[in-house]
Amino acid sequence: MTDSDRMWKTLSRVIRMEKPGTSVWLTRFTGQLTFRDLHFSKQALRMLNTPNAGGSSILSEVLSFEVLSRYLRAELYKMETEIQYFPKGGPMTDYVISVPRWSKNPRTRTLMRIAVSVVRLMTGPGQIYTLSDAERILHKKLRGIIQSNKTCQECWHQQLLHAWSPSINNTKLFKKAVHRLSRNSNADLLNNVIIIVSTAPRFPEIFYPRLERDNTVITQPILCLDKQSDGLPRLVKSIPKMPMKPSKMWQCHVSYFICLLDSVNINRSERTMELNSSPPFFF
């Protein structure tokens, strides 16, 4: 069994738990990355080519789906604008995925639907990210998840909060915010929620729609989507080329740290799984 299989199996078990709880997965991307180095799946390209309701957050949502599709065998079920709510005007989830439940017999595997909300752990330029910022965004997103569960006209088994972090420090503060929340009177906000925190310190395009690096202006997204003979979109151009780095700088490794939480006790034990045997996310 590969490490990716173990992660898939663990997530399936968490979702099937009778007692509501929280699973926190911390992921870390290493190496220098730019938008032109990404290899998107067909479903990710569909998201990328469809306007969303969140403005400049589209790249973080597309990358979120790409990670889940690669390592959890997830398929895109519905995008943000395809989900129906009543009454309208409340918090919305970003997209819904279908993930096969783990089973030793592939013929008996059924699909579970997971609603995904994406957030970026960042502040404005020149501002320092604090524990208060982490707690504020955590409370806001969790309350939004609860509200969207009540108003959505869809059926999903669980909600997943995927947070992108620009630094290890921001990740630590967000993790501390989760621990603090699990100990106070609002701990019920964490019930039955999966949290994934992805740290990507060398991928600023996720966090800032427009930035300058090496005197090159990067605008997110700068894309040219063309159609092939089969009618499917193809990414033919991305951001302006940056100065070349050694090939080893473009390697991307993902490590998963699993910490199961509940509203009473916190299991602080963590284990790391290297997903070297999984299909490459970047090339």
C-alpha atoms as a PDB file:
ATOM      1  CA  MET A   1       0.000   0.000   0.000  1.00  0.00           C
ATOM      2  CA  THR A   2       1.412   3.379  -0.997  1.00  0.00           C
ATOM      3  CA  ASP A   3       1.444   6.411   1.306  1.00  0.00           C
ATOM      4  CA  SER A   4      -1.224   7.984  -0.873  1.00  0.00           C
ATOM      5  CA  ASP A   5      -3.389   4.889  -0.329  1.00  0.00           C
ATOM      6  CA  ARG A   6      -2.870   5.184   3.450  1.00  0.00           C
ATOM      7  CA  MET A   7      -3.939   8.820   3.390  1.00  0.00           C
ATOM      8  CA  TRP A   8      -7.024   7.975   1.341  1.00  0.00           C
ATOM      9  CA  LYS A   9      -7.900   5.130   3.723  1.00  0.00           C
ATOM     10  CA  THR A  10      -7.412   7.333   6.806  1.00  0.00           C
ATOM     11  CA  LEU A  11      -9.635  10.097   5.434  1.00  0.00           C
ATOM     12  CA  SER A  12     -12.349   7.592   4.591  1.00  0.00           C
ATOM     13  CA  ARG A  13     -12.251   6.251   8.156  1.00  0.00           C
ATOM     14  CA  VAL A  14     -12.457   9.765   9.610  1.00  0.00           C
ATOM     15  CA  ILE A  15     -15.558  10.542   7.554  1.00  0.00           C
ATOM     16  CA  ARG A  16     -17.208   7.273   8.624  1.00  0.00           C
ATOM     17  CA  MET A  17     -16.620   7.971  12.354  1.00  0.00           C
ATOM     18  CA  GLU A  18     -19.847   7.795  14.333  1.00  0.00           C
ATOM     19  CA  LYS A  19     -18.626  10.385  16.840  1.00  0.00           C
ATOM     20  CA  PRO A  20     -18.161  13.791  15.183  1.00  0.00           C
ATOM     21  CA  GLY A  21     -14.569  14.939  15.342  1.00  0.00           C
ATOM     22  CA  THR A  22     -11.962  16.982  13.555  1.00  0.00           C
ATOM     23  CA  SER A  23      -9.024  15.864  11.467  1.00  0.00           C
ATOM     24  CA  VAL A  24      -6.179  18.310  10.837  1.00  0.00           C
ATOM     25  CA  TRP A  25      -3.803  17.634   7.953  1.00  0.00           C
ATOM     26  CA  LEU A  26      -0.745  19.872   7.563  1.00  0.00           C
ATOM     27  CA  THR A  27       0.908  19.820   4.132  1.00  0.00           C
ATOM     28  CA  ARG A  28       4.091  21.551   3.020  1.00  0.00           C
ATOM     29  CA  PHE A  29       5.274  22.378  -0.490  1.00  0.00           C
ATOM     30  CA  THR A  30       9.025  22.820  -0.908  1.00  0.00           C
ATOM     31  CA  GLY A  31      10.921  24.219  -3.858  1.00  0.00           C
ATOM     32  CA  GLN A  32      10.480  27.289  -6.023  1.00  0.00           C
ATOM     33  CA  LEU A  33       7.199  27.254  -7.935  1.00  0.00           C
ATOM     34  CA  THR A  34       5.599  29.529 -10.479  1.00  0.00           C
ATOM     35  CA  PHE A  35       2.290  29.399 -12.245  1.00  0.00           C
ATOM     36  CA  ARG A  36       3.863  28.230 -15.513  1.00  0.00           C
ATOM     37  CA  ASP A  37       5.131  25.039 -13.838  1.00  0.00           C
ATOM     38  CA  LEU A  38       1.693  23.704 -12.978  1.00  0.00           C
ATOM     39  CA  HIS A  39       0.168  20.796 -14.834  1.00  0.00           C
ATOM     40  CA  PHE A  40      -3.597  21.098 -14.443  1.00  0.00           C
ATOM     41  CA  SER A  41      -6.095  18.295 -14.862  1.00  0.00           C
ATOM     42  CA  LYS A  42      -9.092  18.715 -17.195  1.00  0.00           C
ATOM     43  CA  GLN A  43     -11.452  19.393 -14.275  1.00  0.00           C
ATOM     44  CA  ALA A  44      -9.059  21.978 -12.802  1.00  0.00           C
ATOM     45  CA  LEU A  45      -8.944  23.735 -16.168  1.00  0.00           C
ATOM     46  CA  ARG A  46     -12.734  23.803 -16.150  1.00  0.00           C
ATOM     47  CA  MET A  47     -12.649  25.564 -12.769  1.00  0.00           C
ATOM     48  CA  LEU A  48      -9.953  27.922 -13.996  1.00  0.00           C
ATOM     49  CA  ASN A  49     -12.015  28.890 -17.025  1.00  0.00           C
ATOM     50  CA  THR A  50     -15.248  29.471 -15.062  1.00  0.00           C
ATOM     51  CA  PRO A  51     -15.890  32.732 -13.147  1.00  0.00           C
ATOM     52  CA  ASN A  52     -16.356  32.220  -9.418  1.00  0.00           C
ATOM     53  CA  ALA A  53     -18.026  34.287  -6.730  1.00  0.00           C
ATOM     54  CA  GLY A  54     -14.825  35.008  -4.843  1.00  0.00           C
ATOM     55  CA  GLY A  55     -12.823  37.248  -7.157  1.00  0.00           C
ATOM     56  CA  SER A  56      -9.041  36.885  -6.958  1.00  0.00           C
ATOM     57  CA  SER A  57      -9.109  33.611  -4.980  1.00  0.00           C
ATOM     58  CA  ILE A  58      -9.613  31.461  -8.079  1.00  0.00           C
ATOM     59  CA  LEU A  59      -6.014  30.149  -8.255  1.00  0.00           C
ATOM     60  CA  SER A  60      -6.035  28.981  -4.632  1.00  0.00           C
ATOM     61  CA  GLU A  61      -9.307  27.144  -5.258  1.00  0.00           C
ATOM     62  CA  VAL A  62      -8.035  25.475  -8.430  1.00  0.00           C
ATOM     63  CA  LEU A  63      -4.828  24.350  -6.701  1.00  0.00           C
ATOM     64  CA  SER A  64      -6.871  23.111  -3.753  1.00  0.00           C
ATOM     65  CA  PHE A  65      -8.915  20.896  -6.035  1.00  0.00           C
ATOM     66  CA  GLU A  66      -5.797  19.703  -7.875  1.00  0.00           C
ATOM     67  CA  VAL A  67      -4.178  18.546  -4.628  1.00  0.00           C
ATOM     68  CA  LEU A  68      -7.313  16.699  -3.510  1.00  0.00           C
ATOM     69  CA  SER A  69      -7.848  15.123  -6.912  1.00  0.00           C
ATOM     70  CA  ARG A  70      -4.264  13.847  -7.008  1.00  0.00           C
ATOM     71  CA  TYR A  71      -4.033  12.426  -3.514  1.00  0.00           C
ATOM     72  CA  LEU A  72      -7.623  11.583  -2.556  1.00  0.00           C
ATOM     73  CA  ARG A  73      -8.832  10.353  -5.956  1.00  0.00           C
ATOM     74  CA  ALA A  74     -11.374  13.178  -5.885  1.00  0.00           C
ATOM     75  CA  GLU A  75     -13.592  14.143  -8.807  1.00  0.00           C
ATOM     76  CA  LEU A  76     -15.184  17.563  -9.232  1.00  0.00           C
ATOM     77  CA  TYR A  77     -18.911  17.317  -8.508  1.00  0.00           C
ATOM     78  CA  LYS A  78     -20.040  20.954  -8.497  1.00  0.00           C
ATOM     79  CA  MET A  79     -18.389  24.356  -8.610  1.00  0.00           C
ATOM     80  CA  GLU A  80     -19.288  27.357  -6.458  1.00  0.00           C
ATOM     81  CA  THR A  81     -21.819  28.853  -8.862  1.00  0.00           C
ATOM     82  CA  GLU A  82     -23.528  25.486  -9.460  1.00  0.00           C
ATOM     83  CA  ILE A  83     -24.514  24.890  -5.811  1.00  0.00           C
ATOM     84  CA  GLN A  84     -28.072  25.898  -4.880  1.00  0.00           C
ATOM     85  CA  TYR A  85     -28.902  27.599  -1.543  1.00  0.00           C
ATOM     86  CA  PHE A  86     -32.112  28.643   0.150  1.00  0.00           C
ATOM     87  CA  PRO A  87     -32.370  31.285   1.311  1.00  0.00           C
ATOM     88  CA  LYS A  88     -29.726  32.895  -0.876  1.00  0.00           C
ATOM     89  CA  GLY A  89     -27.221  35.514   0.217  1.00  0.00           C
ATOM     90  CA  GLY A  90     -25.456  33.526   2.943  1.00  0.00           C
ATOM     91  CA  PRO A  91     -22.022  31.881   3.122  1.00  0.00           C
ATOM     92  CA  MET A  92     -21.141  29.670   0.156  1.00  0.00           C
ATOM     93  CA  THR A  93     -18.816  26.711  -0.198  1.00  0.00           C
ATOM     94  CA  ASP A  94     -16.224  26.912  -2.985  1.00  0.00           C
ATOM     95  CA  TYR A  95     -16.724  23.520  -4.631  1.00  0.00           C
ATOM     96  CA  VAL A  96     -17.923  19.971  -3.973  1.00  0.00           C
ATOM     97  CA  ILE A  97     -15.921  16.812  -4.705  1.00  0.00           C
ATOM     98  CA  SER A  98     -16.782  13.128  -4.909  1.00  0.00           C
ATOM     99  CA  VAL A  99     -14.321  10.784  -3.179  1.00  0.00           C
ATOM    100  CA  PRO A 100     -14.573   6.970  -3.261  1.00  0.00           C
ATOM    101  CA  ARG A 101     -14.863   5.373   0.169  1.00  0.00           C
ATOM    102  CA  TRP A 102     -12.019   3.055   1.080  1.00  0.00           C
ATOM    103  CA  SER A 103     -12.775  -0.628   0.644  1.00  0.00           C
ATOM    104  CA  LYS A 104     -10.581  -3.676   0.119  1.00  0.00           C
ATOM    105  CA  ASN A 105     -12.903  -4.703  -2.684  1.00  0.00           C
ATOM    106  CA  PRO A 106     -12.929  -1.994  -5.404  1.00  0.00           C
ATOM    107  CA  ARG A 107     -16.341  -3.209  -6.591  1.00  0.00           C
ATOM    108  CA  THR A 108     -17.981  -2.302  -3.263  1.00  0.00           C
ATOM    109  CA  ARG A 109     -16.628   1.253  -3.058  1.00  0.00           C
ATOM    110  CA  THR A 110     -19.258   3.972  -2.855  1.00  0.00           C
ATOM    111  CA  LEU A 111     -18.842   7.704  -3.351  1.00  0.00           C
ATOM    112  CA  MET A 112     -18.915  10.299  -0.583  1.00  0.00           C
ATOM    113  CA  ARG A 113     -19.394  13.977  -1.326  1.00  0.00           C
ATOM    114  CA  ILE A 114     -17.298  16.567   0.473  1.00  0.00           C
ATOM    115  CA  ALA A 115     -17.893  20.318   0.362  1.00  0.00           C
ATOM    116  CA  VAL A 116     -14.651  22.308   0.293  1.00  0.00           C
ATOM    117  CA  SER A 117     -14.087  25.872   1.492  1.00  0.00           C
ATOM    118  CA  VAL A 118     -10.742  27.507   0.672  1.00  0.00           C
ATOM    119  CA  VAL A 119      -9.057  30.301   2.629  1.00  0.00           C
ATOM    120  CA  ARG A 120      -5.694  32.064   2.473  1.00  0.00           C
ATOM    121  CA  LEU A 121      -3.875  32.741   5.764  1.00  0.00           C
ATOM    122  CA  MET A 122      -2.586  36.193   4.934  1.00  0.00           C
ATOM    123  CA  THR A 123      -2.849  39.874   5.741  1.00  0.00           C
ATOM    124  CA  GLY A 124      -2.265  42.995   3.697  1.00  0.00           C
ATOM    125  CA  PRO A 125       1.219  43.897   2.419  1.00  0.00           C
ATOM    126  CA  GLY A 126       3.535  45.014   5.215  1.00  0.00           C
ATOM    127  CA  GLN A 127       1.262  43.697   7.980  1.00  0.00           C
ATOM    128  CA  ILE A 128       2.267  40.977  10.439  1.00  0.00           C
ATOM    129  CA  TYR A 129       0.054  37.908  10.690  1.00  0.00           C
ATOM    130  CA  THR A 130      -0.937  37.349  14.337  1.00  0.00           C
ATOM    131  CA  LEU A 131      -2.742  34.745  16.415  1.00  0.00           C
ATOM    132  CA  SER A 132      -5.756  37.059  16.498  1.00  0.00           C
ATOM    133  CA  ASP A 133      -5.840  37.032  12.696  1.00  0.00           C
ATOM    134  CA  ALA A 134      -5.702  33.227  12.685  1.00  0.00           C
ATOM    135  CA  GLU A 135      -8.489  32.932  15.265  1.00  0.00           C
ATOM    136  CA  ARG A 136     -10.666  35.458  13.452  1.00  0.00           C
ATOM    137  CA  ILE A 137     -10.473  33.721  10.074  1.00  0.00           C
ATOM    138  CA  LEU A 138     -10.897  30.279  11.668  1.00  0.00           C
ATOM    139  CA  HIS A 139     -14.069  31.323  13.513  1.00  0.00           C
ATOM    140  CA  LYS A 140     -15.413  33.091  10.422  1.00  0.00           C
ATOM    141  CA  LYS A 141     -14.873  30.130   8.096  1.00  0.00           C
ATOM    142  CA  LEU A 142     -16.223  27.545  10.554  1.00  0.00           C
ATOM    143  CA  ARG A 143     -19.375  29.584  11.185  1.00  0.00           C
ATOM    144  CA  GLY A 144     -19.770  29.964   7.429  1.00  0.00           C
ATOM    145  CA  ILE A 145     -19.441  26.197   7.009  1.00  0.00           C
ATOM    146  CA  ILE A 146     -22.178  25.571   9.575  1.00  0.00           C
ATOM    147  CA  GLN A 147     -24.474  28.105   7.899  1.00  0.00           C
ATOM    148  CA  SER A 148     -23.899  26.703   4.405  1.00  0.00           C
ATOM    149  CA  ASN A 149     -24.736  23.232   5.724  1.00  0.00           C
ATOM    150  CA  LYS A 150     -28.126  24.577   6.783  1.00  0.00           C
ATOM    151  CA  THR A 151     -28.992  26.502   3.620  1.00  0.00           C
ATOM    152  CA  CYS A 152     -27.555  24.326   0.850  1.00  0.00           C
ATOM    153  CA  GLN A 153     -29.897  22.295  -1.322  1.00  0.00           C
ATOM    154  CA  GLU A 154     -27.228  19.628  -1.869  1.00  0.00           C
ATOM    155  CA  CYS A 155     -26.347  16.512   0.078  1.00  0.00           C
ATOM    156  CA  TRP A 156     -22.758  16.094   1.237  1.00  0.00           C
ATOM    157  CA  HIS A 157     -21.274  13.946   3.957  1.00  0.00           C
ATOM    158  CA  GLN A 158     -18.775  16.407   5.395  1.00  0.00           C
ATOM    159  CA  GLN A 159     -17.185  19.830   5.023  1.00  0.00           C
ATOM    160  CA  LEU A 160     -13.482  20.358   4.424  1.00  0.00           C
ATOM    161  CA  LEU A 161     -11.627  23.605   5.124  1.00  0.00           C
ATOM    162  CA  HIS A 162      -8.489  23.976   2.990  1.00  0.00           C
ATOM    163  CA  ALA A 163      -6.194  26.794   4.126  1.00  0.00           C
ATOM    164  CA  TRP A 164      -3.211  28.019   2.095  1.00  0.00           C
ATOM    165  CA  SER A 165      -0.398  29.494   4.191  1.00  0.00           C
ATOM    166  CA  PRO A 166       2.507  31.612   2.860  1.00  0.00           C
ATOM    167  CA  SER A 167       4.840  30.734   5.757  1.00  0.00           C
ATOM    168  CA  ILE A 168       5.514  28.166   8.457  1.00  0.00           C
ATOM    169  CA  ASN A 169       4.867  30.865  11.071  1.00  0.00           C
ATOM    170  CA  ASN A 170       1.346  31.498   9.754  1.00  0.00           C
ATOM    171  CA  THR A 171       0.718  27.744   9.753  1.00  0.00           C
ATOM    172  CA  LYS A 172       1.830  27.414  13.376  1.00  0.00           C
ATOM    173  CA  LEU A 173      -0.422  30.295  14.417  1.00  0.00           C
ATOM    174  CA  PHE A 174      -3.400  28.757  12.624  1.00  0.00           C
ATOM    175  CA  LYS A 175      -2.730  25.369  14.211  1.00  0.00           C
ATOM    176  CA  LYS A 176      -2.523  27.053  17.624  1.00  0.00           C
ATOM    177  CA  ALA A 177      -5.845  28.756  16.916  1.00  0.00           C
ATOM    178  CA  VAL A 178      -7.407  25.334  16.238  1.00  0.00           C
ATOM    179  CA  HIS A 179      -6.025  23.978  19.517  1.00  0.00           C
ATOM    180  CA  ARG A 180      -7.279  27.005  21.471  1.00  0.00           C
ATOM    181  CA  LEU A 181     -10.723  26.754  19.902  1.00  0.00           C
ATOM    182  CA  SER A 182     -10.982  23.057  20.806  1.00  0.00           C
ATOM    183  CA  ARG A 183     -10.591  23.979  24.483  1.00  0.00           C
ATOM    184  CA  ASN A 184     -13.132  26.774  24.840  1.00  0.00           C
ATOM    185  CA  SER A 185     -16.903  27.061  24.823  1.00  0.00           C
ATOM    186  CA  ASN A 186     -17.041  27.316  21.007  1.00  0.00           C
ATOM    187  CA  ALA A 187     -15.408  23.925  20.468  1.00  0.00           C
ATOM    188  CA  ASP A 188     -18.590  22.687  18.766  1.00  0.00           C
ATOM    189  CA  LEU A 189     -17.544  24.711  15.718  1.00  0.00           C
ATOM    190  CA  LEU A 190     -14.912  22.039  15.061  1.00  0.00           C
ATOM    191  CA  ASN A 191     -17.337  19.126  15.029  1.00  0.00           C
ATOM    192  CA  ASN A 192     -17.221  17.002  11.900  1.00  0.00           C
ATOM    193  CA  VAL A 193     -14.824  19.251   9.965  1.00  0.00           C
ATOM    194  CA  ILE A 194     -11.668  18.229   8.116  1.00  0.00           C
ATOM    195  CA  ILE A 195      -8.969  20.920   8.040  1.00  0.00           C
ATOM    196  CA  ILE A 196      -6.085  20.863   5.568  1.00  0.00           C
ATOM    197  CA  VAL A 197      -3.370  23.523   5.879  1.00  0.00           C
ATOM    198  CA  SER A 198      -0.998  23.741   2.903  1.00  0.00           C
ATOM    199  CA  THR A 199       2.176  25.776   3.436  1.00  0.00           C
ATOM    200  CA  ALA A 200       3.596  27.138   0.175  1.00  0.00           C
ATOM    201  CA  PRO A 201       6.244  29.774   1.055  1.00  0.00           C
ATOM    202  CA  ARG A 202       7.683  29.946  -2.468  1.00  0.00           C
ATOM    203  CA  PHE A 203       4.444  30.284  -4.384  1.00  0.00           C
ATOM    204  CA  PRO A 204       3.323  33.907  -3.791  1.00  0.00           C
ATOM    205  CA  GLU A 205       0.957  33.881  -6.783  1.00  0.00           C
ATOM    206  CA  ILE A 206      -1.542  32.041  -4.572  1.00  0.00           C
ATOM    207  CA  PHE A 207      -1.748  34.914  -2.120  1.00  0.00           C
ATOM    208  CA  TYR A 208      -1.262  38.123  -4.090  1.00  0.00           C
ATOM    209  CA  PRO A 209      -3.193  38.850  -7.315  1.00  0.00           C
ATOM    210  CA  ARG A 210      -0.482  41.233  -8.466  1.00  0.00           C
ATOM    211  CA  LEU A 211       3.155  41.366  -7.425  1.00  0.00           C
ATOM    212  CA  GLU A 212       6.583  42.281  -8.708  1.00  0.00           C
ATOM    213  CA  ARG A 213       9.581  39.957  -8.612  1.00  0.00           C
ATOM    214  CA  ASP A 214      12.880  40.556 -10.390  1.00  0.00           C
ATOM    215  CA  ASN A 215      11.283  43.577 -12.122  1.00  0.00           C
ATOM    216  CA  THR A 216       8.704  41.317 -13.725  1.00  0.00           C
ATOM    217  CA  VAL A 217       5.045  42.126 -13.175  1.00  0.00           C
ATOM    218  CA  ILE A 218       2.904  39.049 -12.556  1.00  0.00           C
ATOM    219  CA  THR A 219      -0.858  39.257 -12.817  1.00  0.00           C
ATOM    220  CA  GLN A 220      -3.064  36.431 -11.610  1.00  0.00           C
ATOM    221  CA  PRO A 221      -4.369  34.854 -13.658  1.00  0.00           C
ATOM    222  CA  ILE A 222      -2.685  35.480 -17.008  1.00  0.00           C
ATOM    223  CA  LEU A 223      -3.949  32.579 -19.078  1.00  0.00           C
ATOM    224  CA  CYS A 224      -4.607  31.689 -22.657  1.00  0.00           C
ATOM    225  CA  LEU A 225      -6.990  28.759 -22.837  1.00  0.00           C
ATOM    226  CA  ASP A 226      -7.273  27.195 -26.261  1.00  0.00           C
ATOM    227  CA  LYS A 227      -9.328  24.241 -27.451  1.00  0.00           C
ATOM    228  CA  GLN A 228      -7.790  21.119 -28.875  1.00  0.00           C
ATOM    229  CA  SER A 229      -9.321  19.024 -31.635  1.00  0.00           C
ATOM    230  CA  ASP A 230     -11.307  17.076 -29.025  1.00  0.00           C
ATOM    231  CA  GLY A 231     -12.897  20.297 -27.764  1.00  0.00           C
ATOM    232  CA  LEU A 232     -11.158  20.260 -24.358  1.00  0.00           C
ATOM    233  CA  PRO A 233      -9.406  23.389 -23.068  1.00  0.00           C
ATOM    234  CA  ARG A 234      -5.628  23.460 -23.019  1.00  0.00           C
ATOM    235  CA  LEU A 235      -3.341  25.769 -21.052  1.00  0.00           C
ATOM    236  CA  VAL A 236      -1.114  27.291 -23.740  1.00  0.00           C
ATOM    237  CA  LYS A 237       0.345  30.244 -21.848  1.00  0.00           C
ATOM    238  CA  SER A 238       0.702  31.408 -18.261  1.00  0.00           C
ATOM    239  CA  ILE A 239       2.668  34.114 -16.459  1.00  0.00           C
ATOM    240  CA  PRO A 240       5.726  35.747 -18.044  1.00  0.00           C
ATOM    241  CA  LYS A 241       8.797  33.551 -17.763  1.00  0.00           C
ATOM    242  CA  MET A 242      10.968  34.107 -14.712  1.00  0.00           C
ATOM    243  CA  PRO A 243      14.767  33.740 -14.537  1.00  0.00           C
ATOM    244  CA  MET A 244      15.574  30.042 -14.746  1.00  0.00           C
ATOM    245  CA  LYS A 245      16.497  28.163 -11.573  1.00  0.00           C
ATOM    246  CA  PRO A 246      18.328  24.842 -11.198  1.00  0.00           C
ATOM    247  CA  SER A 247      15.989  21.985 -12.025  1.00  0.00           C
ATOM    248  CA  LYS A 248      16.069  20.702  -8.438  1.00  0.00           C
ATOM    249  CA  MET A 249      14.403  23.941  -7.322  1.00  0.00           C
ATOM    250  CA  TRP A 250      11.232  22.948  -9.137  1.00  0.00           C
ATOM    251  CA  GLN A 251      10.756  19.741  -7.160  1.00  0.00           C
ATOM    252  CA  CYS A 252       7.636  19.628  -5.021  1.00  0.00           C
ATOM    253  CA  HIS A 253       7.343  17.328  -2.031  1.00  0.00           C
ATOM    254  CA  VAL A 254       4.195  17.007   0.041  1.00  0.00           C
ATOM    255  CA  SER A 255       4.249  15.704   3.608  1.00  0.00           C
ATOM    256  CA  TYR A 256       1.106  15.028   5.604  1.00  0.00           C
ATOM    257  CA  PHE A 257       0.931  15.446   9.355  1.00  0.00           C
ATOM    258  CA  ILE A 258      -2.218  13.921  10.819  1.00  0.00           C
ATOM    259  CA  CYS A 259      -3.545  15.047  14.193  1.00  0.00           C
ATOM    260  CA  LEU A 260      -7.005  13.832  15.174  1.00  0.00           C
ATOM    261  CA  LEU A 261      -8.885  16.184  17.469  1.00  0.00           C
ATOM    262  CA  ASP A 262     -12.149  16.067  19.353  1.00  0.00           C
ATOM    263  CA  SER A 263     -13.871  18.557  21.598  1.00  0.00           C
ATOM    264  CA  VAL A 264     -12.541  16.917  24.780  1.00  0.00           C
ATOM    265  CA  ASN A 265      -9.031  15.591  24.307  1.00  0.00           C
ATOM    266  CA  ILE A 266      -6.334  16.415  21.775  1.00  0.00           C
ATOM    267  CA  ASN A 267      -4.100  13.697  20.388  1.00  0.00           C
ATOM    268  CA  ARG A 268      -0.889  15.597  19.730  1.00  0.00           C
ATOM    269  CA  SER A 269       0.894  12.665  18.112  1.00  0.00           C
ATOM    270  CA  GLU A 270       1.757  13.328  14.489  1.00  0.00           C
ATOM    271  CA  ARG A 271       3.203  11.142  11.774  1.00  0.00           C
ATOM    272  CA  THR A 272       4.603  12.088   8.422  1.00  0.00           C
ATOM    273  CA  MET A 273       3.853  10.387   5.121  1.00  0.00           C
ATOM    274  CA  GLU A 274       6.013  11.133   2.098  1.00  0.00           C
ATOM    275  CA  LEU A 275       3.953  10.855  -1.055  1.00  0.00           C
ATOM    276  CA  ASN A 276       6.864  10.067  -3.342  1.00  0.00           C
ATOM    277  CA  SER A 277       5.063   7.186  -5.000  1.00  0.00           C
ATOM    278  CA  SER A 278       2.058   9.281  -6.021  1.00  0.00           C
ATOM    279  CA  PRO A 279       1.626  10.762  -9.498  1.00  0.00           C
ATOM    280  CA  PRO A 280       3.584  14.031  -9.734  1.00  0.00           C
ATOM    281  CA  PHE A 281       1.552  17.168  -9.100  1.00  0.00           C
ATOM    282  CA  PHE A 282       4.108  19.443 -10.768  1.00  0.00           C
ATOM    283  CA  PHE A 283       6.491  18.831 -13.630  1.00  0.00           C
END
